[in-house]
Every structure is written in C-alpha cells, then in structure tokens.
C-alpha cells in the first residue's frame, strides 16, 4: 500500500508541476497543444 501511495503522490506532484509550467508560458503551451492536435488528427 505504501508503494501505491508514493506513486499517486508523485503523480499528483508531477501533474501540478506540469500545469504550473503550462500556465506560466501560455503561448508555448498553445503551440504545443495545437501541434499535438494536428498530429493526432492527421493520423486518425
């Protein structure tokens, strides 16, 4: 159970860190999201 708690804690920390980075640089975030959307849409 300890291992699962550690994994979920690390995941939540990484998720919060990623969201902070996205909010810090909205232009780069928008370009990344658009690039991913175009790439996924082109392969669908």
PDB file of N, CA and C in Angstrom:
ATOM      1  N   UNK A   1       0.826  -1.199   0.000  1.00  0.00           N
ATOM      2  CA  UNK A   1       0.000   0.000   0.000  1.00  0.00           C
ATOM      3  C   UNK A   1       0.870   1.262   0.000  1.00  0.00           C
ATOM      4  N   UNK A   2       2.026   1.177   0.676  1.00  0.00           N
ATOM      5  CA  UNK A   2       2.908   2.327   0.730  1.00  0.00           C
ATOM      6  C   UNK A   2       3.407   2.724  -0.661  1.00  0.00           C
ATOM      7  N   UNK A   3       3.692   1.700  -1.462  1.00  0.00           N
ATOM      8  CA  UNK A   3       4.204   1.968  -2.807  1.00  0.00           C
ATOM      9  C   UNK A   3       3.161   2.691  -3.651  1.00  0.00           C
ATOM     10  N   UNK A   4       1.907   2.252  -3.556  1.00  0.00           N
ATOM     11  CA  UNK A   4       0.833   2.908  -4.313  1.00  0.00           C
ATOM     12  C   UNK A   4       0.655   4.351  -3.859  1.00  0.00           C
ATOM     13  N   UNK A   5       0.745   4.592  -2.569  1.00  0.00           N
ATOM     14  CA  UNK A   5       0.610   5.955  -2.047  1.00  0.00           C
ATOM     15  C   UNK A   5       1.732   6.836  -2.577  1.00  0.00           C
ATOM     16  N   UNK A   6       2.930   6.291  -2.625  1.00  0.00           N
ATOM     17  CA  UNK A   6       4.074   7.058  -3.138  1.00  0.00           C
ATOM     18  C   UNK A   6       3.901   7.362  -4.629  1.00  0.00           C
ATOM     19  N   UNK A   7       3.454   6.378  -5.385  1.00  0.00           N
ATOM     20  CA  UNK A   7       3.238   6.588  -6.817  1.00  0.00           C
ATOM     21  C   UNK A   7       2.164   7.639  -7.077  1.00  0.00           C
ATOM     22  N   UNK A   8       1.075   7.570  -6.338  1.00  0.00           N
ATOM     23  CA  UNK A   8       0.000   8.541  -6.548  1.00  0.00           C
ATOM     24  C   UNK A   8       0.439   9.934  -6.095  1.00  0.00           C
ATOM     25  N   UNK A   9       1.227  10.010  -5.038  1.00  0.00           N
ATOM     26  CA  UNK A   9       1.731  11.303  -4.574  1.00  0.00           C
ATOM     27  C   UNK A   9       2.670  11.911  -5.619  1.00  0.00           C
ATOM     28  N   UNK A  10       3.553  11.102  -6.162  1.00  0.00           N
ATOM     29  CA  UNK A  10       4.464  11.580  -7.204  1.00  0.00           C
ATOM     30  C   UNK A  10       3.700  12.014  -8.452  1.00  0.00           C
ATOM     31  N   UNK A  11       2.677  11.246  -8.817  1.00  0.00           N
ATOM     32  CA  UNK A  11       1.884  11.592  -9.988  1.00  0.00           C
ATOM     33  C   UNK A  11       1.183  12.937  -9.805  1.00  0.00           C
ATOM     34  N   UNK A  12       0.598  13.146  -8.636  1.00  0.00           N
ATOM     35  CA  UNK A  12      -0.086  14.413  -8.374  1.00  0.00           C
ATOM     36  C   UNK A  12       0.891  15.581  -8.368  1.00  0.00           C
ATOM     37  N   UNK A  13       2.080  15.359  -7.811  1.00  0.00           N
ATOM     38  CA  UNK A  13       3.094  16.411  -7.811  1.00  0.00           C
ATOM     39  C   UNK A  13       3.506  16.759  -9.241  1.00  0.00           C
ATOM     40  N   UNK A  14       3.747  15.737 -10.062  1.00  0.00           N
ATOM     41  CA  UNK A  14       4.141  15.962 -11.452  1.00  0.00           C
ATOM     42  C   UNK A  14       3.024  16.652 -12.238  1.00  0.00           C
ATOM     43  N   UNK A  15       1.787  16.274 -11.975  1.00  0.00           N
ATOM     44  CA  UNK A  15       0.653  16.898 -12.655  1.00  0.00           C
ATOM     45  C   UNK A  15       0.554  18.381 -12.294  1.00  0.00           C
ATOM     46  N   UNK A  16       0.695  18.698 -11.029  1.00  0.00           N
ATOM     47  CA  UNK A  16       0.645  20.101 -10.599  1.00  0.00           C
ATOM     48  C   UNK A  16       1.806  20.894 -11.182  1.00  0.00           C
ATOM     49  N   UNK A  17       2.982  20.286 -11.217  1.00  0.00           N
ATOM     50  CA  UNK A  17       4.142  20.958 -11.793  1.00  0.00           C
ATOM     51  C   UNK A  17       3.918  21.241 -13.278  1.00  0.00           C
ATOM     52  N   UNK A  18       3.396  20.263 -13.994  1.00  0.00           N
ATOM     53  CA  UNK A  18       3.119  20.446 -15.415  1.00  0.00           C
ATOM     54  C   UNK A  18       2.100  21.545 -15.661  1.00  0.00           C
ATOM     55  N   UNK A  19       1.054  21.588 -14.865  1.00  0.00           N
ATOM     56  CA  UNK A  19       0.037  22.634 -15.024  1.00  0.00           C
ATOM     57  C   UNK A  19       0.611  24.015 -14.729  1.00  0.00           C
ATOM     58  N   UNK A  20       1.473  24.104 -13.703  1.00  0.00           N
ATOM     59  CA  UNK A  20       2.117  25.391 -13.415  1.00  0.00           C
ATOM     60  C   UNK A  20       2.968  25.850 -14.582  1.00  0.00           C
ATOM     61  N   UNK A  21       3.690  24.936 -15.191  1.00  0.00           N
ATOM     62  CA  UNK A  21       4.542  25.295 -16.323  1.00  0.00           C
ATOM     63  C   UNK A  21       3.697  25.725 -17.521  1.00  0.00           C
ATOM     64  N   UNK A  22       2.584  25.059 -17.749  1.00  0.00           N
ATOM     65  CA  UNK A  22       1.698  25.436 -18.850  1.00  0.00           C
ATOM     66  C   UNK A  22       1.113  26.826 -18.636  1.00  0.00           C
ATOM     67  N   UNK A  23       0.736  27.120 -17.409  1.00  0.00           N
ATOM     68  CA  UNK A  23       0.148  28.424 -17.114  1.00  0.00           C
ATOM     69  C   UNK A  23       1.188  29.538 -17.138  1.00  0.00           C
ATOM     70  N   UNK A  24       2.432  29.200 -16.867  1.00  0.00           N
ATOM     71  CA  UNK A  24       3.493  30.201 -16.861  1.00  0.00           C
ATOM     72  C   UNK A  24       3.800  30.690 -18.273  1.00  0.00           C
ATOM     73  N   UNK A  25       3.668  29.809 -19.257  1.00  0.00           N
ATOM     74  CA  UNK A  25       4.014  30.143 -20.629  1.00  0.00           C
ATOM     75  C   UNK A  25       2.854  29.778 -21.565  1.00  0.00           C
ATOM     76  N   UNK A  26       1.796  30.585 -21.608  1.00  0.00           N
ATOM     77  CA  UNK A  26       0.606  30.190 -22.362  1.00  0.00           C
ATOM     78  C   UNK A  26       0.819  30.116 -23.875  1.00  0.00           C
ATOM     79  N   UNK A  27       1.700  30.922 -24.434  1.00  0.00           N
ATOM     80  CA  UNK A  27       1.919  30.881 -25.882  1.00  0.00           C
ATOM     81  C   UNK A  27       2.559  29.554 -26.295  1.00  0.00           C
ATOM     82  N   UNK A  28       3.587  29.161 -25.591  1.00  0.00           N
ATOM     83  CA  UNK A  28       4.249  27.887 -25.889  1.00  0.00           C
ATOM     84  C   UNK A  28       3.283  26.735 -25.666  1.00  0.00           C
ATOM     85  N   UNK A  29       2.477  26.823 -24.624  1.00  0.00           N
ATOM     86  CA  UNK A  29       1.503  25.778 -24.339  1.00  0.00           C
ATOM     87  C   UNK A  29       0.495  25.651 -25.471  1.00  0.00           C
ATOM     88  N   UNK A  30       0.027  26.780 -25.968  1.00  0.00           N
ATOM     89  CA  UNK A  30      -0.932  26.756 -27.072  1.00  0.00           C
ATOM     90  C   UNK A  30      -0.339  26.149 -28.326  1.00  0.00           C
ATOM     91  N   UNK A  31       0.898  26.481 -28.619  1.00  0.00           N
ATOM     92  CA  UNK A  31       1.564  25.913 -29.797  1.00  0.00           C
ATOM     93  C   UNK A  31       1.733  24.409 -29.633  1.00  0.00           C
ATOM     94  N   UNK A  32       2.101  23.966 -28.450  1.00  0.00           N
ATOM     95  CA  UNK A  32       2.265  22.524 -28.207  1.00  0.00           C
ATOM     96  C   UNK A  32       0.940  21.783 -28.345  1.00  0.00           C
ATOM     97  N   UNK A  33      -0.105  22.325 -27.767  1.00  0.00           N
ATOM     98  CA  UNK A  33      -1.419  21.684 -27.845  1.00  0.00           C
ATOM     99  C   UNK A  33      -1.900  21.651 -29.291  1.00  0.00           C
ATOM    100  N   UNK A  34      -1.716  22.733 -30.016  1.00  0.00           N
ATOM    101  CA  UNK A  34      -2.119  22.768 -31.425  1.00  0.00           C
ATOM    102  C   UNK A  34      -1.328  21.755 -32.245  1.00  0.00           C
ATOM    103  N   UNK A  35      -0.038  21.655 -32.016  1.00  0.00           N
ATOM    104  CA  UNK A  35       0.791  20.691 -32.741  1.00  0.00           C
ATOM    105  C   UNK A  35       0.347  19.260 -32.460  1.00  0.00           C
ATOM    106  N   UNK A  36       0.091  18.963 -31.188  1.00  0.00           N
ATOM    107  CA  UNK A  36      -0.389  17.624 -30.842  1.00  0.00           C
ATOM    108  C   UNK A  36      -1.742  17.333 -31.478  1.00  0.00           C
ATOM    109  N   UNK A  37      -2.643  18.312 -31.458  1.00  0.00           N
ATOM    110  CA  UNK A  37      -3.970  18.114 -32.044  1.00  0.00           C
ATOM    111  C   UNK A  37      -3.871  17.869 -33.541  1.00  0.00           C
ATOM    112  N   UNK A  38      -3.031  18.621 -34.221  1.00  0.00           N
ATOM    113  CA  UNK A  38      -2.867  18.409 -35.655  1.00  0.00           C
ATOM    114  C   UNK A  38      -2.244  17.048 -35.958  1.00  0.00           C
ATOM    115  N   UNK A  39      -1.256  16.653 -35.176  1.00  0.00           N
ATOM    116  CA  UNK A  39      -0.614  15.363 -35.388  1.00  0.00           C
ATOM    117  C   UNK A  39      -1.562  14.201 -35.141  1.00  0.00           C
ATOM    118  N   UNK A  40      -2.339  14.287 -34.082  1.00  0.00           N
ATOM    119  CA  UNK A  40      -3.306  13.217 -33.776  1.00  0.00           C
ATOM    120  C   UNK A  40      -4.415  13.202 -34.824  1.00  0.00           C
ATOM    121  N   UNK A  41      -4.867  14.387 -35.225  1.00  0.00           N
ATOM    122  CA  UNK A  41      -5.922  14.453 -36.231  1.00  0.00           C
ATOM    123  C   UNK A  41      -5.464  13.945 -37.589  1.00  0.00           C
ATOM    124  N   UNK A  42      -4.214  14.166 -37.929  1.00  0.00           N
ATOM    125  CA  UNK A  42      -3.705  13.715 -39.215  1.00  0.00           C
ATOM    126  C   UNK A  42      -3.574  12.187 -39.265  1.00  0.00           C
ATOM    127  N   UNK A  43      -3.376  11.568 -38.122  1.00  0.00           N
ATOM    128  CA  UNK A  43      -3.208  10.114 -38.084  1.00  0.00           C
ATOM    129  C   UNK A  43      -4.512   9.378 -37.819  1.00  0.00           C
ATOM    130  N   UNK A  44      -5.574  10.101 -37.584  1.00  0.00           N
ATOM    131  CA  UNK A  44      -6.849   9.433 -37.268  1.00  0.00           C
ATOM    132  C   UNK A  44      -7.587   8.998 -38.511  1.00  0.00           C
TER     133      UNK A  44
END
